[in-house]
C-alpha atoms as a PDB file:
ATOM      1  CA  MET A   1      -6.566   7.958 -20.831  1.00  0.00           C
ATOM      2  CA  LYS A   2      -3.729   8.177 -18.472  1.00  0.00           C
ATOM      3  CA  ASP A   3      -1.510   5.526 -17.215  1.00  0.00           C
ATOM      4  CA  ASP A   4      -1.783   4.860 -13.450  1.00  0.00           C
ATOM      5  CA  VAL A   5       1.188   2.459 -13.739  1.00  0.00           C
ATOM      6  CA  CYS A   6       3.975   2.888 -16.302  1.00  0.00           C
ATOM      7  CA  ILE A   7       6.978   0.227 -16.445  1.00  0.00           C
ATOM      8  CA  ARG A   8       9.885   0.664 -18.796  1.00  0.00           C
ATOM      9  CA  ASP A   9      12.603  -1.734 -19.318  1.00  0.00           C
ATOM     10  CA  LEU A  10      12.457  -2.909 -15.582  1.00  0.00           C
ATOM     11  CA  GLU A  11      14.807  -5.553 -14.175  1.00  0.00           C
ATOM     12  CA  LYS A  12      15.640  -7.044 -11.134  1.00  0.00           C
ATOM     13  CA  ASP A  13      18.483  -9.294 -10.278  1.00  0.00           C
ATOM     14  CA  PHE A  14      19.009 -11.328  -7.077  1.00  0.00           C
ATOM     15  CA  GLY A  15      22.389 -12.616  -7.305  1.00  0.00           C
ATOM     16  CA  GLY A  16      22.691 -14.371 -10.766  1.00  0.00           C
ATOM     17  CA  PHE A  17      18.895 -14.948 -10.926  1.00  0.00           C
ATOM     18  CA  LYS A  18      17.077 -12.422 -13.144  1.00  0.00           C
ATOM     19  CA  ALA A  19      13.540 -12.168 -11.492  1.00  0.00           C
ATOM     20  CA  VAL A  20      12.361  -9.344 -13.819  1.00  0.00           C
ATOM     21  CA  ASN A  21      13.807  -9.111 -17.372  1.00  0.00           C
ATOM     22  CA  LYS A  22      13.236  -5.893 -19.527  1.00  0.00           C
ATOM     23  CA  LEU A  23       9.641  -5.707 -18.835  1.00  0.00           C
ATOM     24  CA  SER A  24       7.776  -2.940 -20.148  1.00  0.00           C
ATOM     25  CA  LEU A  25       3.991  -2.620 -19.715  1.00  0.00           C
ATOM     26  CA  ARG A  26       1.094   0.103 -18.709  1.00  0.00           C
ATOM     27  CA  VAL A  27      -2.029   0.006 -16.751  1.00  0.00           C
ATOM     28  CA  LYS A  28      -4.644   2.401 -17.684  1.00  0.00           C
ATOM     29  CA  HIS A  29      -6.504   4.531 -15.386  1.00  0.00           C
ATOM     30  CA  GLY A  30      -9.789   2.805 -14.140  1.00  0.00           C
ATOM     31  CA  GLU A  31      -8.909  -0.676 -15.410  1.00  0.00           C
ATOM     32  CA  ILE A  32      -8.432  -4.181 -14.009  1.00  0.00           C
ATOM     33  CA  TYR A  33      -4.845  -5.315 -15.343  1.00  0.00           C
ATOM     34  CA  GLY A  34      -4.263  -9.118 -14.596  1.00  0.00           C
ATOM     35  CA  LEU A  35      -0.692 -10.534 -14.416  1.00  0.00           C
ATOM     36  CA  LEU A  36      -0.850 -14.093 -15.128  1.00  0.00           C
ATOM     37  CA  GLY A  37       2.114 -16.823 -14.919  1.00  0.00           C
ATOM     38  CA  PRO A  38       3.737 -19.689 -13.141  1.00  0.00           C
ATOM     39  CA  ASN A  39       5.574 -19.473  -9.973  1.00  0.00           C
ATOM     40  CA  GLY A  40       8.909 -17.967 -10.384  1.00  0.00           C
ATOM     41  CA  ALA A  41       7.431 -15.638 -13.405  1.00  0.00           C
ATOM     42  CA  GLY A  42       8.385 -12.556 -11.544  1.00  0.00           C
ATOM     43  CA  LYS A  43       4.735 -11.178 -10.749  1.00  0.00           C
ATOM     44  CA  THR A  44       5.110 -10.655  -7.008  1.00  0.00           C
ATOM     45  CA  THR A  45       8.643  -8.934  -7.597  1.00  0.00           C
ATOM     46  CA  VAL A  46       7.064  -6.468 -10.099  1.00  0.00           C
ATOM     47  CA  ILE A  47       4.441  -5.626  -7.534  1.00  0.00           C
ATOM     48  CA  LYS A  48       6.760  -5.135  -4.719  1.00  0.00           C
ATOM     49  CA  ILE A  49       8.950  -2.999  -6.997  1.00  0.00           C
ATOM     50  CA  LEU A  50       5.921  -0.611  -7.697  1.00  0.00           C
ATOM     51  CA  CYS A  51       4.987  -0.616  -3.819  1.00  0.00           C
ATOM     52  CA  GLY A  52       8.141   0.650  -3.230  1.00  0.00           C
ATOM     53  CA  LEU A  53       9.281  -2.455  -1.198  1.00  0.00           C
ATOM     54  CA  LEU A  54      12.133  -3.434  -3.628  1.00  0.00           C
ATOM     55  CA  ARG A  55      14.430  -1.403  -5.726  1.00  0.00           C
ATOM     56  CA  PRO A  56      14.732  -2.375  -9.456  1.00  0.00           C
ATOM     57  CA  SER A  57      18.309  -3.133 -10.733  1.00  0.00           C
ATOM     58  CA  SER A  58      17.646  -1.227 -13.891  1.00  0.00           C
ATOM     59  CA  GLY A  59      14.950   0.518 -15.610  1.00  0.00           C
ATOM     60  CA  GLU A  60      11.941   2.850 -14.465  1.00  0.00           C
ATOM     61  CA  ALA A  61       8.888   2.256 -12.729  1.00  0.00           C
ATOM     62  CA  TYR A  62       5.985   5.127 -12.214  1.00  0.00           C
ATOM     63  CA  VAL A  63       2.768   4.785 -10.130  1.00  0.00           C
ATOM     64  CA  LEU A  64       0.216   7.720 -10.281  1.00  0.00           C
ATOM     65  CA  ASP A  65       2.875   9.629 -12.154  1.00  0.00           C
ATOM     66  CA  THR A  66       5.623   9.383  -9.514  1.00  0.00           C
ATOM     67  CA  LYS A  67       8.826   7.456 -10.188  1.00  0.00           C
ATOM     68  CA  VAL A  68       9.021   4.697  -7.445  1.00  0.00           C
ATOM     69  CA  PRO A  69      10.087   4.153  -4.844  1.00  0.00           C
ATOM     70  CA  ASP A  70       8.714   7.309  -3.246  1.00  0.00           C
ATOM     71  CA  PRO A  71       6.953   7.349   0.263  1.00  0.00           C
ATOM     72  CA  ARG A  72       4.361  10.105  -1.170  1.00  0.00           C
ATOM     73  CA  THR A  73       2.677   7.228  -3.024  1.00  0.00           C
ATOM     74  CA  ALA A  74       1.899   4.943   0.255  1.00  0.00           C
ATOM     75  CA  SER A  75      -1.242   6.673   1.081  1.00  0.00           C
ATOM     76  CA  ARG A  76      -2.577   6.573  -2.307  1.00  0.00           C
ATOM     77  CA  ILE A  77      -2.017   2.706  -3.051  1.00  0.00           C
ATOM     78  CA  GLY A  78      -3.470  -0.205  -1.365  1.00  0.00           C
ATOM     79  CA  TYR A  79      -1.395  -3.504  -1.321  1.00  0.00           C
ATOM     80  CA  MET A  80      -2.366  -6.983  -0.521  1.00  0.00           C
ATOM     81  CA  PRO A  81       0.584  -9.330  -0.622  1.00  0.00           C
ATOM     82  CA  GLN A  82       0.470 -13.092  -0.640  1.00  0.00           C
ATOM     83  CA  GLU A  83       2.197 -13.644   2.843  1.00  0.00           C
ATOM     84  CA  LEU A  84       0.282 -12.650   5.876  1.00  0.00           C
ATOM     85  CA  ALA A  85       0.810  -8.835   6.563  1.00  0.00           C
ATOM     86  CA  MET A  86      -1.186  -8.384   9.739  1.00  0.00           C
ATOM     87  CA  TYR A  87      -0.645  -8.585  13.609  1.00  0.00           C
ATOM     88  CA  ARG A  88      -1.374 -12.226  14.652  1.00  0.00           C
ATOM     89  CA  GLY A  89      -1.807 -11.145  18.249  1.00  0.00           C
ATOM     90  CA  LEU A  90      -4.736  -8.617  17.502  1.00  0.00           C
ATOM     91  CA  THR A  91      -8.073  -9.093  16.450  1.00  0.00           C
ATOM     92  CA  VAL A  92      -9.661  -8.440  13.047  1.00  0.00           C
ATOM     93  CA  HIS A  93     -11.202  -5.191  14.267  1.00  0.00           C
ATOM     94  CA  GLU A  94      -7.637  -4.284  16.079  1.00  0.00           C
ATOM     95  CA  ASN A  95      -5.938  -4.678  12.659  1.00  0.00           C
ATOM     96  CA  LEU A  96      -8.404  -2.695  10.809  1.00  0.00           C
ATOM     97  CA  ALA A  97      -8.317   0.005  13.427  1.00  0.00           C
ATOM     98  CA  PHE A  98      -4.465   0.074  13.471  1.00  0.00           C
ATOM     99  CA  TYR A  99      -4.269   0.297   9.518  1.00  0.00           C
ATOM    100  CA  GLY A 100      -6.946   3.327   9.747  1.00  0.00           C
ATOM    101  CA  GLU A 101      -4.962   5.239  12.265  1.00  0.00           C
ATOM    102  CA  VAL A 102      -1.917   4.691  10.079  1.00  0.00           C
ATOM    103  CA  PHE A 103      -3.529   6.032   7.231  1.00  0.00           C
ATOM    104  CA  GLY A 104      -4.910   8.868   9.180  1.00  0.00           C
ATOM    105  CA  LEU A 105      -8.536   7.824   9.199  1.00  0.00           C
ATOM    106  CA  SER A 106     -10.854   9.150  11.948  1.00  0.00           C
ATOM    107  CA  LYS A 107     -12.516   6.753  14.275  1.00  0.00           C
ATOM    108  CA  GLN A 108     -15.967   7.407  12.526  1.00  0.00           C
ATOM    109  CA  GLN A 109     -14.270   6.730   9.114  1.00  0.00           C
ATOM    110  CA  ILE A 110     -12.737   3.557  10.268  1.00  0.00           C
ATOM    111  CA  ASP A 111     -15.980   2.282  11.932  1.00  0.00           C
ATOM    112  CA  THR A 112     -18.027   2.948   8.690  1.00  0.00           C
ATOM    113  CA  ARG A 113     -15.402   1.474   6.375  1.00  0.00           C
ATOM    114  CA  GLU A 114     -14.857  -1.792   8.728  1.00  0.00           C
ATOM    115  CA  GLN A 115     -18.710  -2.438   8.829  1.00  0.00           C
ATOM    116  CA  ALA A 116     -18.748  -2.495   5.105  1.00  0.00           C
ATOM    117  CA  LEU A 117     -15.748  -4.457   4.635  1.00  0.00           C
ATOM    118  CA  LEU A 118     -16.600  -6.880   7.180  1.00  0.00           C
ATOM    119  CA  LYS A 119     -19.909  -7.668   5.492  1.00  0.00           C
ATOM    120  CA  LEU A 120     -18.189  -7.900   2.122  1.00  0.00           C
ATOM    121  CA  ILE A 121     -15.739 -10.544   3.418  1.00  0.00           C
ATOM    122  CA  ASP A 122     -18.229 -12.362   5.522  1.00  0.00           C
ATOM    123  CA  LEU A 123     -16.331 -11.925   8.784  1.00  0.00           C
ATOM    124  CA  GLN A 124     -18.831  -9.988  10.988  1.00  0.00           C
ATOM    125  CA  ASP A 125     -18.851 -12.766  13.309  1.00  0.00           C
ATOM    126  CA  SER A 126     -15.132 -12.911  13.844  1.00  0.00           C
ATOM    127  CA  ARG A 127     -14.542  -9.069  14.261  1.00  0.00           C
ATOM    128  CA  ASP A 128     -13.170  -9.646  17.697  1.00  0.00           C
ATOM    129  CA  THR A 129     -11.256 -13.036  16.968  1.00  0.00           C
ATOM    130  CA  LEU A 130      -7.570 -12.925  17.134  1.00  0.00           C
ATOM    131  CA  VAL A 131      -6.076 -13.178  13.689  1.00  0.00           C
ATOM    132  CA  ASP A 132      -3.918 -16.219  14.829  1.00  0.00           C
ATOM    133  CA  GLN A 133      -7.256 -18.246  15.658  1.00  0.00           C
ATOM    134  CA  LEU A 134      -8.618 -17.572  11.946  1.00  0.00           C
ATOM    135  CA  SER A 135      -8.150 -20.266   9.261  1.00  0.00           C
ATOM    136  CA  GLY A 136      -5.797 -19.317   6.305  1.00  0.00           C
ATOM    137  CA  GLY A 137      -8.786 -18.393   4.060  1.00  0.00           C
ATOM    138  CA  MET A 138     -10.279 -15.903   6.822  1.00  0.00           C
ATOM    139  CA  GLN A 139      -6.844 -14.426   7.529  1.00  0.00           C
ATOM    140  CA  HIS A 140      -6.540 -13.693   3.596  1.00  0.00           C
ATOM    141  CA  ARG A 141     -10.105 -12.101   3.766  1.00  0.00           C
ATOM    142  CA  THR A 142      -8.775  -9.654   6.476  1.00  0.00           C
ATOM    143  CA  SER A 143      -5.802  -9.052   4.526  1.00  0.00           C
ATOM    144  CA  LEU A 144      -8.006  -7.751   1.799  1.00  0.00           C
ATOM    145  CA  ALA A 145     -10.142  -5.592   4.175  1.00  0.00           C
ATOM    146  CA  CYS A 146      -6.857  -4.239   5.314  1.00  0.00           C
ATOM    147  CA  ALA A 147      -5.615  -3.216   1.876  1.00  0.00           C
ATOM    148  CA  LEU A 148      -9.135  -1.609   0.913  1.00  0.00           C
ATOM    149  CA  LEU A 149      -9.840   0.405   4.207  1.00  0.00           C
ATOM    150  CA  HIS A 150      -8.379   3.687   3.164  1.00  0.00           C
ATOM    151  CA  GLU A 151     -10.149   3.539  -0.191  1.00  0.00           C
ATOM    152  CA  PRO A 152      -6.956   3.850  -2.358  1.00  0.00           C
ATOM    153  CA  GLN A 153      -6.702   5.217  -5.657  1.00  0.00           C
ATOM    154  CA  LEU A 154      -4.732   2.164  -7.085  1.00  0.00           C
ATOM    155  CA  LEU A 155      -4.977  -1.380  -5.674  1.00  0.00           C
ATOM    156  CA  PHE A 156      -2.182  -3.849  -5.884  1.00  0.00           C
ATOM    157  CA  LEU A 157      -3.597  -7.388  -5.216  1.00  0.00           C
ATOM    158  CA  ASP A 158      -1.083 -10.474  -5.177  1.00  0.00           C
ATOM    159  CA  GLU A 159      -3.231 -13.615  -5.270  1.00  0.00           C
ATOM    160  CA  PRO A 160      -6.244 -12.023  -3.249  1.00  0.00           C
ATOM    161  CA  THR A 161      -8.663 -14.945  -3.660  1.00  0.00           C
ATOM    162  CA  VAL A 162      -6.517 -17.838  -2.852  1.00  0.00           C
ATOM    163  CA  GLY A 163      -8.146 -20.098  -0.051  1.00  0.00           C
ATOM    164  CA  VAL A 164     -11.529 -18.380  -0.816  1.00  0.00           C
ATOM    165  CA  ASP A 165     -14.482 -20.588  -1.586  1.00  0.00           C
ATOM    166  CA  PRO A 166     -15.944 -20.115  -5.067  1.00  0.00           C
ATOM    167  CA  ASP A 167     -19.047 -18.196  -3.797  1.00  0.00           C
ATOM    168  CA  LEU A 168     -17.054 -15.525  -1.864  1.00  0.00           C
ATOM    169  CA  ARG A 169     -14.572 -15.372  -4.576  1.00  0.00           C
ATOM    170  CA  ALA A 170     -17.380 -14.355  -7.217  1.00  0.00           C
ATOM    171  CA  SER A 171     -18.498 -11.667  -4.587  1.00  0.00           C
ATOM    172  CA  PHE A 172     -14.883 -10.381  -4.472  1.00  0.00           C
ATOM    173  CA  TRP A 173     -14.584 -10.071  -8.242  1.00  0.00           C
ATOM    174  CA  GLN A 174     -18.005  -8.355  -8.172  1.00  0.00           C
ATOM    175  CA  TYR A 175     -16.735  -5.739  -5.778  1.00  0.00           C
ATOM    176  CA  PHE A 176     -13.309  -5.483  -7.737  1.00  0.00           C
ATOM    177  CA  GLU A 177     -15.411  -4.605 -10.831  1.00  0.00           C
ATOM    178  CA  GLU A 178     -17.272  -1.964  -8.744  1.00  0.00           C
ATOM    179  CA  LEU A 179     -14.264  -0.271  -7.840  1.00  0.00           C
ATOM    180  CA  ARG A 180     -13.017  -0.150 -11.214  1.00  0.00           C
ATOM    181  CA  ASP A 181     -16.285   1.260 -12.255  1.00  0.00           C
ATOM    182  CA  SER A 182     -15.780   3.868  -9.682  1.00  0.00           C
ATOM    183  CA  GLY A 183     -12.520   4.942 -11.186  1.00  0.00           C
ATOM    184  CA  ILE A 184     -10.121   2.577  -8.987  1.00  0.00           C
ATOM    185  CA  THR A 185      -7.178   1.166 -11.116  1.00  0.00           C
ATOM    186  CA  ILE A 186      -6.385  -2.576  -9.925  1.00  0.00           C
ATOM    187  CA  LEU A 187      -3.255  -4.516 -10.993  1.00  0.00           C
ATOM    188  CA  ILE A 188      -3.805  -8.126  -9.834  1.00  0.00           C
ATOM    189  CA  THR A 189      -1.826 -11.519 -10.057  1.00  0.00           C
ATOM    190  CA  THR A 190      -3.752 -14.614 -10.174  1.00  0.00           C
ATOM    191  CA  HIS A 191      -3.261 -18.297 -11.088  1.00  0.00           C
ATOM    192  CA  TYR A 192      -7.095 -19.003 -11.378  1.00  0.00           C
ATOM    193  CA  MET A 193      -7.396 -18.538 -15.241  1.00  0.00           C
ATOM    194  CA  ASP A 194     -11.281 -18.158 -15.003  1.00  0.00           C
ATOM    195  CA  GLU A 195     -10.702 -15.179 -13.071  1.00  0.00           C
ATOM    196  CA  ALA A 196      -8.489 -13.446 -15.705  1.00  0.00           C
ATOM    197  CA  ARG A 197     -11.685 -13.374 -17.727  1.00  0.00           C
ATOM    198  CA  HIS A 198     -12.893 -10.613 -15.426  1.00  0.00           C
ATOM    199  CA  CYS A 199      -9.817  -8.273 -16.259  1.00  0.00           C
ATOM    200  CA  ASP A 200      -9.874  -5.623 -18.983  1.00  0.00           C
ATOM    201  CA  ARG A 201      -6.508  -6.715 -20.007  1.00  0.00           C
ATOM    202  CA  ILE A 202      -4.085  -9.358 -19.052  1.00  0.00           C
ATOM    203  CA  GLY A 203      -0.256  -9.937 -19.411  1.00  0.00           C
ATOM    204  CA  PHE A 204       1.184 -13.354 -19.634  1.00  0.00           C
ATOM    205  CA  MET A 205       4.471 -13.538 -17.973  1.00  0.00           C
ATOM    206  CA  ARG A 206       7.369 -16.048 -18.254  1.00  0.00           C
ATOM    207  CA  GLU A 207      10.763 -15.876 -16.909  1.00  0.00           C
ATOM    208  CA  GLY A 208      10.465 -12.407 -16.029  1.00  0.00           C
ATOM    209  CA  ARG A 209       9.377 -11.199 -19.435  1.00  0.00           C
ATOM    210  CA  LEU A 210       5.879 -10.239 -20.824  1.00  0.00           C
ATOM    211  CA  ILE A 211       5.347 -12.807 -23.639  1.00  0.00           C
ATOM    212  CA  ALA A 212       1.735 -11.544 -24.352  1.00  0.00           C
ATOM    213  CA  GLU A 213      -0.713  -8.937 -23.461  1.00  0.00           C
ATOM    214  CA  GLY A 214      -4.338  -7.919 -24.659  1.00  0.00           C
ATOM    215  CA  SER A 215      -7.748  -8.416 -23.516  1.00  0.00           C
ATOM    216  CA  PRO A 216      -8.926 -11.824 -22.556  1.00  0.00           C
ATOM    217  CA  GLN A 217     -10.867 -12.196 -25.777  1.00  0.00           C
ATOM    218  CA  GLU A 218      -7.851 -10.901 -28.158  1.00  0.00           C
ATOM    219  CA  LEU A 219      -5.650 -13.346 -26.669  1.00  0.00           C
ATOM    220  CA  LEU A 220      -8.085 -16.295 -27.205  1.00  0.00           C
ATOM    221  CA  GLU A 221      -8.796 -15.199 -30.785  1.00  0.00           C
ATOM    222  CA  LEU A 222      -5.136 -14.701 -31.467  1.00  0.00           C
ATOM    223  CA  THR A 223      -4.164 -18.319 -30.512  1.00  0.00           C
ATOM    224  CA  HIS A 224      -7.296 -19.709 -31.764  1.00  0.00           C
ATOM    225  CA  THR A 225      -7.944 -21.207 -28.421  1.00  0.00           C
ATOM    226  CA  ASP A 226     -10.926 -21.834 -25.825  1.00  0.00           C
ATOM    227  CA  SER A 227      -9.233 -21.147 -22.697  1.00  0.00           C
ATOM    228  CA  LEU A 228      -6.452 -18.706 -21.599  1.00  0.00           C
ATOM    229  CA  GLU A 229      -4.715 -21.519 -20.160  1.00  0.00           C
ATOM    230  CA  ASP A 230      -4.396 -23.011 -23.643  1.00  0.00           C
ATOM    231  CA  ALA A 231      -3.771 -19.523 -24.733  1.00  0.00           C
ATOM    232  CA  PHE A 232      -0.789 -19.056 -22.170  1.00  0.00           C
ATOM    233  CA  LEU A 233       0.523 -22.384 -23.067  1.00  0.00           C
ATOM    234  CA  SER A 234       0.809 -21.309 -26.850  1.00  0.00           C
ATOM    235  CA  TYR A 235       2.486 -18.251 -26.516  1.00  0.00           C
ATOM    236  CA  SER A 236       4.944 -20.199 -23.873  1.00  0.00           C
ATOM    237  CA  ARG A 237       5.694 -22.662 -26.749  1.00  0.00           C
ATOM    238  CA  THR A 238       6.242 -20.100 -29.285  1.00  0.00           C
ATOM    239  CA  GLY A 239       7.848 -17.243 -27.092  1.00  0.00           C
ATOM    240  CA  GLU A 240       6.102 -14.863 -29.400  1.00  0.00           C
ATOM    241  CA  SER A 241       4.387 -11.692 -28.106  1.00  0.00           C
ATOM    242  CA  ALA A 242       1.130 -10.274 -28.927  1.00  0.00           C
END
C-alpha cells in the first residue's frame, strides 16, 4: 500500500524554538491517521508544512508523491485550519461558491456539492447568512464544508470538531469514515481522546517529536491502559517510542 504522506527527519525552527524535531512518519493511502498531543506539540506546524504554507527548516515531506511545498498539490488536497479561513462579509453560500470557483468547479458541481454538505453540517437554514453572524461552532462547520467542496484526495483537518455538539461530531466522524472507505486519506489532529479511537492509526506528539505510533488498540495494549489519555501519559512519562 502506497503512502500519501511521507515525512523524513522533518524540523521547523522559529527563532530559538524548535516546533518540529526530527519527525518521521507515513500516512497510508485510504486511512485516517490522527495526530494527538497538547498545545505546542507541533501538530499544526506539521500540517501547515504539508499544505505548503510553511517551509521546513530541514528534512523532507512528500504529499501524494510530490515534495512540498509545490503548488501542484493544491487542487488535490483539502485543508481545514483551526483559525477561520473564510470571508466574514460573505454568506455561507457565497464562501462555498468562491472556493468552488477557485478549484475550477462548474456552477452545477458547486450547487450539487453545496446541497450535500449543508445537509451534512446542518446549515441548510443558514445558507444565506453572513459568516460573521454565525456562532463559532457554525463557522467551524462552514470551514469544514469549504475544505470538502472540491472532493480532495487527501484531507488535512486541524481540530475539525471543536465547538461542535456531540451528536453532530458523531455524524462528522461517520462521514470521515465514509470518505476513508471511498479511498480518501485523512490526516487529522484532535484533542478529543475518544475521537482518536475512530482513527486507523494515531501518533502521539510531544515537543515536536513522535513519541509513539500505532493503532488505538495497539497503544492501549502496549501501555496496559484503558484509555488513550492514560496511554499518552504513559509514553510522556517514559519518553519511549512504540
